[in-house]
Amino acid sequence: MRRAALQVALGLDHQGFQHRLAAWRFHPNGTEGYAKAEVTIGGISTAGLSSQTMEARDVPGLYAIGDITAPPWLAHKASHEGVIAAEAIAGKHPHAMDPRNIPGCTYCHPQIASVGLTEAKAKEAGYEVKVGNFPFIGNGKAIALGEPEGFVKTVFDAKTGELLGAHMIGAEVTEMIQGYTIGKTLETTEAELMETVFPHPTISETMHEAVLAAYGRQLHM
């Protein structure tokens, strides 16, 4: 690696500065052929990168994770890609990354969380859908916590029962979304989710109710 240094003095003058910022720029050697991986300002294109190993298809030995790969650009996605790349480099057989099973969380008030397709995107993709909604106002724990504002929405494939997506707004939804993420990863249908026992009293009961609601079977409305 070649190293170039940039030092910036912040202060009154060159002799009497108060702070100095040192920034280092690294230049990798042997970059010939990297263009084959379709490296651009936006990163490596999805077509040029294996989701199974995070390795550039046309440049063996070049791996990429995080913000230079395809979206979504999330820390937990980048971390998981790092594990996949490390396992591939070690000669293991890592699983492929499925962007449809990566949860997204917004840490605001109320919190927002989602995984998979929205209702609009599912219809756009040609699915016939069943959609369930359940409000936090119908959940005892949410009311007891003083957090009755929010809802859970589920989107299912009407033909197979596959959970296509889930979207949540309300207290602690960034914690609860992982339940739906696990369900999607395991290719769970509405049947398994309906038959799952959710603890009471918890806000997670809204997740169960939203599944039931998609099939007209909600209990507490």
C-alpha atoms as a PDB file:
ATOM      1  CA  MET A   1       0.000   0.000   0.000  1.00  0.00           C
ATOM      2  CA  ARG A   2       1.174   3.536  -0.739  1.00  0.00           C
ATOM      3  CA  ARG A   3       0.365   6.108   1.932  1.00  0.00           C
ATOM      4  CA  ALA A   4      -0.154   9.825   1.433  1.00  0.00           C
ATOM      5  CA  ALA A   5      -0.600  12.150   4.382  1.00  0.00           C
ATOM      6  CA  LEU A   6      -2.612  15.315   4.600  1.00  0.00           C
ATOM      7  CA  GLN A   7      -2.169  17.481   7.639  1.00  0.00           C
ATOM      8  CA  VAL A   8      -4.534  20.380   8.245  1.00  0.00           C
ATOM      9  CA  ALA A   9      -3.764  23.005  10.892  1.00  0.00           C
ATOM     10  CA  LEU A  10      -6.755  24.573  12.581  1.00  0.00           C
ATOM     11  CA  GLY A  11      -6.048  27.706  14.606  1.00  0.00           C
ATOM     12  CA  LEU A  12      -4.760  31.240  14.501  1.00  0.00           C
ATOM     13  CA  ASP A  13      -1.611  30.665  12.488  1.00  0.00           C
ATOM     14  CA  HIS A  14       0.889  28.010  11.489  1.00  0.00           C
ATOM     15  CA  GLN A  15       2.922  28.368  14.703  1.00  0.00           C
ATOM     16  CA  GLY A  16       0.105  28.870  17.193  1.00  0.00           C
ATOM     17  CA  PHE A  17      -2.462  26.315  16.064  1.00  0.00           C
ATOM     18  CA  GLN A  18      -4.738  24.752  18.640  1.00  0.00           C
ATOM     19  CA  HIS A  19      -5.637  21.514  16.876  1.00  0.00           C
ATOM     20  CA  ARG A  20      -4.176  19.499  14.041  1.00  0.00           C
ATOM     21  CA  LEU A  21      -6.097  16.982  11.955  1.00  0.00           C
ATOM     22  CA  ALA A  22      -4.090  14.234  10.282  1.00  0.00           C
ATOM     23  CA  ALA A  23      -5.856  12.295   7.510  1.00  0.00           C
ATOM     24  CA  TRP A  24      -4.318   9.362   5.676  1.00  0.00           C
ATOM     25  CA  ARG A  25      -5.176   8.218   2.166  1.00  0.00           C
ATOM     26  CA  PHE A  26      -4.407   4.649   1.109  1.00  0.00           C
ATOM     27  CA  HIS A  27      -3.826   3.474  -2.461  1.00  0.00           C
ATOM     28  CA  PRO A  28      -4.022  -0.300  -3.121  1.00  0.00           C
ATOM     29  CA  ASN A  29      -1.383  -1.718  -5.435  1.00  0.00           C
ATOM     30  CA  GLY A  30      -2.186  -4.240  -8.142  1.00  0.00           C
ATOM     31  CA  THR A  31      -5.604  -2.912  -9.059  1.00  0.00           C
ATOM     32  CA  GLU A  32      -5.308  -3.935 -12.700  1.00  0.00           C
ATOM     33  CA  GLY A  33      -8.469  -5.645 -13.876  1.00  0.00           C
ATOM     34  CA  TYR A  34     -10.692  -4.364 -11.090  1.00  0.00           C
ATOM     35  CA  ALA A  35     -12.867  -2.705 -13.724  1.00  0.00           C
ATOM     36  CA  LYS A  36     -14.122  -6.178 -14.586  1.00  0.00           C
ATOM     37  CA  ALA A  37     -15.997  -6.147 -11.273  1.00  0.00           C
ATOM     38  CA  GLU A  38     -17.972  -3.148 -12.502  1.00  0.00           C
ATOM     39  CA  VAL A  39     -16.640  -0.937  -9.708  1.00  0.00           C
ATOM     40  CA  THR A  40     -18.204   2.519  -9.949  1.00  0.00           C
ATOM     41  CA  ILE A  41     -18.787   5.468  -7.658  1.00  0.00           C
ATOM     42  CA  GLY A  42     -21.904   3.622  -6.477  1.00  0.00           C
ATOM     43  CA  GLY A  43     -19.934   0.481  -5.697  1.00  0.00           C
ATOM     44  CA  ILE A  44     -19.913  -2.960  -7.261  1.00  0.00           C
ATOM     45  CA  SER A  45     -23.021  -3.727  -9.267  1.00  0.00           C
ATOM     46  CA  THR A  46     -25.247  -6.589  -8.149  1.00  0.00           C
ATOM     47  CA  ALA A  47     -24.531  -8.335 -11.438  1.00  0.00           C
ATOM     48  CA  GLY A  48     -20.810  -8.265 -10.695  1.00  0.00           C
ATOM     49  CA  LEU A  49     -20.934  -9.623  -7.139  1.00  0.00           C
ATOM     50  CA  SER A  50     -21.884 -13.073  -5.861  1.00  0.00           C
ATOM     51  CA  SER A  51     -24.463 -12.981  -3.053  1.00  0.00           C
ATOM     52  CA  GLN A  52     -23.216 -16.437  -2.051  1.00  0.00           C
ATOM     53  CA  THR A  53     -19.630 -15.404  -1.272  1.00  0.00           C
ATOM     54  CA  MET A  54     -19.509 -11.577  -1.664  1.00  0.00           C
ATOM     55  CA  GLU A  55     -16.749 -12.157  -4.249  1.00  0.00           C
ATOM     56  CA  ALA A  56     -16.542 -10.329  -7.573  1.00  0.00           C
ATOM     57  CA  ARG A  57     -17.476 -12.849 -10.254  1.00  0.00           C
ATOM     58  CA  ASP A  58     -14.903 -11.653 -12.783  1.00  0.00           C
ATOM     59  CA  VAL A  59     -12.097 -10.850 -10.332  1.00  0.00           C
ATOM     60  CA  PRO A  60     -11.279 -13.857  -8.119  1.00  0.00           C
ATOM     61  CA  GLY A  61      -9.996 -12.750  -4.750  1.00  0.00           C
ATOM     62  CA  LEU A  62     -11.812  -9.404  -4.713  1.00  0.00           C
ATOM     63  CA  TYR A  63     -14.477  -9.305  -2.000  1.00  0.00           C
ATOM     64  CA  ALA A  64     -16.850  -6.471  -1.157  1.00  0.00           C
ATOM     65  CA  ILE A  65     -19.246  -5.796   1.719  1.00  0.00           C
ATOM     66  CA  GLY A  66     -21.226  -2.895   3.119  1.00  0.00           C
ATOM     67  CA  ASP A  67     -21.938   0.400   1.410  1.00  0.00           C
ATOM     68  CA  ILE A  68     -20.131  -0.443  -1.837  1.00  0.00           C
ATOM     69  CA  THR A  69     -22.484  -3.348  -2.497  1.00  0.00           C
ATOM     70  CA  ALA A  70     -26.154  -3.329  -3.422  1.00  0.00           C
ATOM     71  CA  PRO A  71     -28.733  -1.761  -1.066  1.00  0.00           C
ATOM     72  CA  PRO A  72     -30.098  -1.725   1.543  1.00  0.00           C
ATOM     73  CA  TRP A  73     -27.096   0.047   3.111  1.00  0.00           C
ATOM     74  CA  LEU A  74     -27.482  -1.003   6.729  1.00  0.00           C
ATOM     75  CA  ALA A  75     -24.909  -1.826   9.393  1.00  0.00           C
ATOM     76  CA  HIS A  76     -26.376  -5.236  10.212  1.00  0.00           C
ATOM     77  CA  LYS A  77     -26.410  -6.178   6.523  1.00  0.00           C
ATOM     78  CA  ALA A  78     -22.750  -5.154   6.164  1.00  0.00           C
ATOM     79  CA  SER A  79     -21.795  -7.161   9.247  1.00  0.00           C
ATOM     80  CA  HIS A  80     -23.555 -10.249   7.917  1.00  0.00           C
ATOM     81  CA  GLU A  81     -21.874  -9.807   4.532  1.00  0.00           C
ATOM     82  CA  GLY A  82     -18.546  -9.695   6.355  1.00  0.00           C
ATOM     83  CA  VAL A  83     -19.273 -13.091   7.907  1.00  0.00           C
ATOM     84  CA  ILE A  84     -20.214 -14.501   4.484  1.00  0.00           C
ATOM     85  CA  ALA A  85     -17.011 -13.134   2.916  1.00  0.00           C
ATOM     86  CA  ALA A  86     -14.824 -14.419   5.757  1.00  0.00           C
ATOM     87  CA  GLU A  87     -16.361 -17.892   5.553  1.00  0.00           C
ATOM     88  CA  ALA A  88     -15.872 -17.937   1.782  1.00  0.00           C
ATOM     89  CA  ILE A  89     -12.217 -16.895   2.111  1.00  0.00           C
ATOM     90  CA  ALA A  90     -11.745 -19.642   4.714  1.00  0.00           C
ATOM     91  CA  GLY A  91     -13.072 -22.219   2.265  1.00  0.00           C
ATOM     92  CA  LYS A  92     -16.382 -22.734   4.007  1.00  0.00           C
ATOM     93  CA  HIS A  93     -19.766 -22.850   2.301  1.00  0.00           C
ATOM     94  CA  PRO A  94     -21.690 -19.743   3.407  1.00  0.00           C
ATOM     95  CA  HIS A  95     -25.340 -19.156   2.662  1.00  0.00           C
ATOM     96  CA  ALA A  96     -26.465 -16.575   0.142  1.00  0.00           C
ATOM     97  CA  MET A  97     -27.649 -13.135   1.229  1.00  0.00           C
ATOM     98  CA  ASP A  98     -31.338 -12.557   0.476  1.00  0.00           C
ATOM     99  CA  PRO A  99     -32.130  -8.817   0.498  1.00  0.00           C
ATOM    100  CA  ARG A 100     -35.830  -9.579   0.995  1.00  0.00           C
ATOM    101  CA  ASN A 101     -35.040 -10.915   4.467  1.00  0.00           C
ATOM    102  CA  ILE A 102     -33.083  -7.922   5.764  1.00  0.00           C
ATOM    103  CA  PRO A 103     -35.015  -5.856   8.326  1.00  0.00           C
ATOM    104  CA  GLY A 104     -34.926  -2.081   8.247  1.00  0.00           C
ATOM    105  CA  CYS A 105     -35.325  -0.001  11.404  1.00  0.00           C
ATOM    106  CA  THR A 106     -35.818   3.705  12.008  1.00  0.00           C
ATOM    107  CA  TYR A 107     -35.040   4.832  15.551  1.00  0.00           C
ATOM    108  CA  CYS A 108     -37.464   7.684  15.973  1.00  0.00           C
ATOM    109  CA  HIS A 109     -40.611   8.107  18.063  1.00  0.00           C
ATOM    110  CA  PRO A 110     -42.661   6.172  17.356  1.00  0.00           C
ATOM    111  CA  GLN A 111     -40.228   3.591  16.018  1.00  0.00           C
ATOM    112  CA  ILE A 112     -40.561   2.178  12.486  1.00  0.00           C
ATOM    113  CA  ALA A 113     -39.524  -1.283  11.281  1.00  0.00           C
ATOM    114  CA  SER A 114     -40.133  -3.410   8.226  1.00  0.00           C
ATOM    115  CA  VAL A 115     -38.972  -6.470   6.320  1.00  0.00           C
ATOM    116  CA  GLY A 116     -39.827  -7.742   2.868  1.00  0.00           C
ATOM    117  CA  LEU A 117     -42.236  -6.318   0.321  1.00  0.00           C
ATOM    118  CA  THR A 118     -44.792  -3.594   0.822  1.00  0.00           C
ATOM    119  CA  GLU A 119     -48.345  -4.241  -0.329  1.00  0.00           C
ATOM    120  CA  ALA A 120     -47.780  -2.021  -3.377  1.00  0.00           C
ATOM    121  CA  LYS A 121     -44.494  -3.732  -4.321  1.00  0.00           C
ATOM    122  CA  ALA A 122     -46.044  -7.177  -3.891  1.00  0.00           C
ATOM    123  CA  LYS A 123     -48.899  -6.304  -6.236  1.00  0.00           C
ATOM    124  CA  GLU A 124     -46.439  -4.742  -8.661  1.00  0.00           C
ATOM    125  CA  ALA A 125     -44.523  -8.044  -8.646  1.00  0.00           C
ATOM    126  CA  GLY A 126     -47.693  -9.879  -9.639  1.00  0.00           C
ATOM    127  CA  TYR A 127     -48.742 -11.350  -6.316  1.00  0.00           C
ATOM    128  CA  GLU A 128     -52.347 -11.702  -5.248  1.00  0.00           C
ATOM    129  CA  VAL A 129     -52.146 -10.609  -1.637  1.00  0.00           C
ATOM    130  CA  LYS A 130     -53.886 -10.883   1.685  1.00  0.00           C
ATOM    131  CA  VAL A 131     -53.228  -7.954   4.018  1.00  0.00           C
ATOM    132  CA  GLY A 132     -53.713  -7.709   7.765  1.00  0.00           C
ATOM    133  CA  ASN A 133     -53.651  -4.629  10.015  1.00  0.00           C
ATOM    134  CA  PHE A 134     -53.838  -4.388  13.778  1.00  0.00           C
ATOM    135  CA  PRO A 135     -53.601  -1.150  15.824  1.00  0.00           C
ATOM    136  CA  PHE A 136     -51.697  -0.750  19.080  1.00  0.00           C
ATOM    137  CA  ILE A 137     -54.832   0.665  20.695  1.00  0.00           C
ATOM    138  CA  GLY A 138     -56.175  -2.891  20.742  1.00  0.00           C
ATOM    139  CA  ASN A 139     -53.196  -4.155  22.760  1.00  0.00           C
ATOM    140  CA  GLY A 140     -53.321  -4.063  26.573  1.00  0.00           C
ATOM    141  CA  LYS A 141     -49.553  -3.784  27.071  1.00  0.00           C
ATOM    142  CA  ALA A 142     -49.284  -0.829  24.670  1.00  0.00           C
ATOM    143  CA  ILE A 143     -52.071   0.955  26.534  1.00  0.00           C
ATOM    144  CA  ALA A 144     -50.501   0.200  29.925  1.00  0.00           C
ATOM    145  CA  LEU A 145     -47.184   1.646  28.716  1.00  0.00           C
ATOM    146  CA  GLY A 146     -48.891   4.784  27.463  1.00  0.00           C
ATOM    147  CA  GLU A 147     -47.925   3.891  23.887  1.00  0.00           C
ATOM    148  CA  PRO A 148     -51.288   3.247  22.160  1.00  0.00           C
ATOM    149  CA  GLU A 149     -50.241   4.851  18.864  1.00  0.00           C
ATOM    150  CA  GLY A 150     -49.002   2.473  16.201  1.00  0.00           C
ATOM    151  CA  PHE A 151     -49.944  -0.543  14.120  1.00  0.00           C
ATOM    152  CA  VAL A 152     -48.660  -3.745  12.531  1.00  0.00           C
ATOM    153  CA  LYS A 153     -49.305  -4.650   8.901  1.00  0.00           C
ATOM    154  CA  THR A 154     -48.683  -8.013   7.247  1.00  0.00           C
ATOM    155  CA  VAL A 155     -48.649  -8.959   3.569  1.00  0.00           C
ATOM    156  CA  PHE A 156     -49.159 -12.571   2.470  1.00  0.00           C
ATOM    157  CA  ASP A 157     -49.214 -14.394  -0.854  1.00  0.00           C
ATOM    158  CA  ALA A 158     -52.890 -15.327  -1.154  1.00  0.00           C
ATOM    159  CA  LYS A 159     -52.059 -18.492  -3.120  1.00  0.00           C
ATOM    160  CA  THR A 160     -49.306 -20.018  -0.967  1.00  0.00           C
ATOM    161  CA  GLY A 161     -49.601 -18.258   2.395  1.00  0.00           C
ATOM    162  CA  GLU A 162     -45.978 -17.081   2.191  1.00  0.00           C
ATOM    163  CA  LEU A 163     -45.215 -14.060   4.351  1.00  0.00           C
ATOM    164  CA  LEU A 164     -44.125 -11.466   1.789  1.00  0.00           C
ATOM    165  CA  GLY A 165     -43.621  -8.519   4.116  1.00  0.00           C
ATOM    166  CA  ALA A 166     -44.348  -6.929   7.473  1.00  0.00           C
ATOM    167  CA  HIS A 167     -44.415  -3.266   8.465  1.00  0.00           C
ATOM    168  CA  MET A 168     -44.671  -1.822  11.949  1.00  0.00           C
ATOM    169  CA  ILE A 169     -44.905   1.561  13.634  1.00  0.00           C
ATOM    170  CA  GLY A 170     -44.955   1.918  17.402  1.00  0.00           C
ATOM    171  CA  ALA A 171     -43.132   1.236  20.660  1.00  0.00           C
ATOM    172  CA  GLU A 172     -40.339  -1.362  20.481  1.00  0.00           C
ATOM    173  CA  VAL A 173     -41.114  -2.438  16.906  1.00  0.00           C
ATOM    174  CA  THR A 174     -37.396  -2.357  16.103  1.00  0.00           C
ATOM    175  CA  GLU A 175     -37.051  -5.217  18.585  1.00  0.00           C
ATOM    176  CA  MET A 176     -40.110  -7.144  17.406  1.00  0.00           C
ATOM    177  CA  ILE A 177     -39.418  -7.074  13.646  1.00  0.00           C
ATOM    178  CA  GLN A 178     -36.918  -9.894  14.072  1.00  0.00           C
ATOM    179  CA  GLY A 179     -39.806 -12.274  14.720  1.00  0.00           C
ATOM    180  CA  TYR A 180     -41.108 -11.691  11.216  1.00  0.00           C
ATOM    181  CA  THR A 181     -37.566 -11.771   9.816  1.00  0.00           C
ATOM    182  CA  ILE A 182     -37.031 -15.235  11.267  1.00  0.00           C
ATOM    183  CA  GLY A 183     -40.386 -16.270   9.835  1.00  0.00           C
ATOM    184  CA  LYS A 184     -39.407 -15.085   6.360  1.00  0.00           C
ATOM    185  CA  THR A 185     -35.996 -16.749   6.558  1.00  0.00           C
ATOM    186  CA  LEU A 186     -37.675 -20.047   7.467  1.00  0.00           C
ATOM    187  CA  GLU A 187     -40.220 -19.510   4.641  1.00  0.00           C
ATOM    188  CA  THR A 188     -43.030 -19.538   7.169  1.00  0.00           C
ATOM    189  CA  THR A 189     -46.655 -19.432   6.017  1.00  0.00           C
ATOM    190  CA  GLU A 190     -49.652 -17.923   7.765  1.00  0.00           C
ATOM    191  CA  ALA A 191     -50.482 -21.324   9.263  1.00  0.00           C
ATOM    192  CA  GLU A 192     -47.308 -21.559  11.391  1.00  0.00           C
ATOM    193  CA  LEU A 193     -47.639 -17.956  12.524  1.00  0.00           C
ATOM    194  CA  MET A 194     -51.292 -18.396  13.489  1.00  0.00           C
ATOM    195  CA  GLU A 195     -50.438 -21.515  15.483  1.00  0.00           C
ATOM    196  CA  THR A 196     -47.566 -19.836  17.350  1.00  0.00           C
ATOM    197  CA  VAL A 197     -48.268 -18.943  20.992  1.00  0.00           C
ATOM    198  CA  PHE A 198     -47.420 -15.305  21.761  1.00  0.00           C
ATOM    199  CA  PRO A 199     -46.865 -14.385  25.433  1.00  0.00           C
ATOM    200  CA  HIS A 200     -49.386 -12.193  27.260  1.00  0.00           C
ATOM    201  CA  PRO A 201     -49.304  -9.347  28.064  1.00  0.00           C
ATOM    202  CA  THR A 202     -46.816  -8.211  25.416  1.00  0.00           C
ATOM    203  CA  ILE A 203     -46.829  -5.767  22.533  1.00  0.00           C
ATOM    204  CA  SER A 204     -45.751  -8.695  20.330  1.00  0.00           C
ATOM    205  CA  GLU A 205     -49.352  -9.919  20.466  1.00  0.00           C
ATOM    206  CA  THR A 206     -50.065  -7.255  17.844  1.00  0.00           C
ATOM    207  CA  MET A 207     -47.891  -9.306  15.467  1.00  0.00           C
ATOM    208  CA  HIS A 208     -50.117 -12.332  15.972  1.00  0.00           C
ATOM    209  CA  GLU A 209     -53.270 -10.284  15.540  1.00  0.00           C
ATOM    210  CA  ALA A 210     -51.974  -8.760  12.283  1.00  0.00           C
ATOM    211  CA  VAL A 211     -51.450 -12.265  10.886  1.00  0.00           C
ATOM    212  CA  LEU A 212     -54.931 -13.332  11.962  1.00  0.00           C
ATOM    213  CA  ALA A 213     -56.395 -10.128  10.505  1.00  0.00           C
ATOM    214  CA  ALA A 214     -55.060 -10.951   7.044  1.00  0.00           C
ATOM    215  CA  TYR A 215     -57.409 -13.942   7.060  1.00  0.00           C
ATOM    216  CA  GLY A 216     -60.322 -12.320   8.878  1.00  0.00           C
ATOM    217  CA  ARG A 217     -59.605 -14.096  12.156  1.00  0.00           C
ATOM    218  CA  GLN A 218     -58.397 -11.323  14.499  1.00  0.00           C
ATOM    219  CA  LEU A 219     -59.476 -11.821  18.112  1.00  0.00           C
ATOM    220  CA  HIS A 220     -59.268  -8.497  19.936  1.00  0.00           C
ATOM    221  CA  MET A 221     -61.007  -5.991  17.698  1.00  0.00           C
END
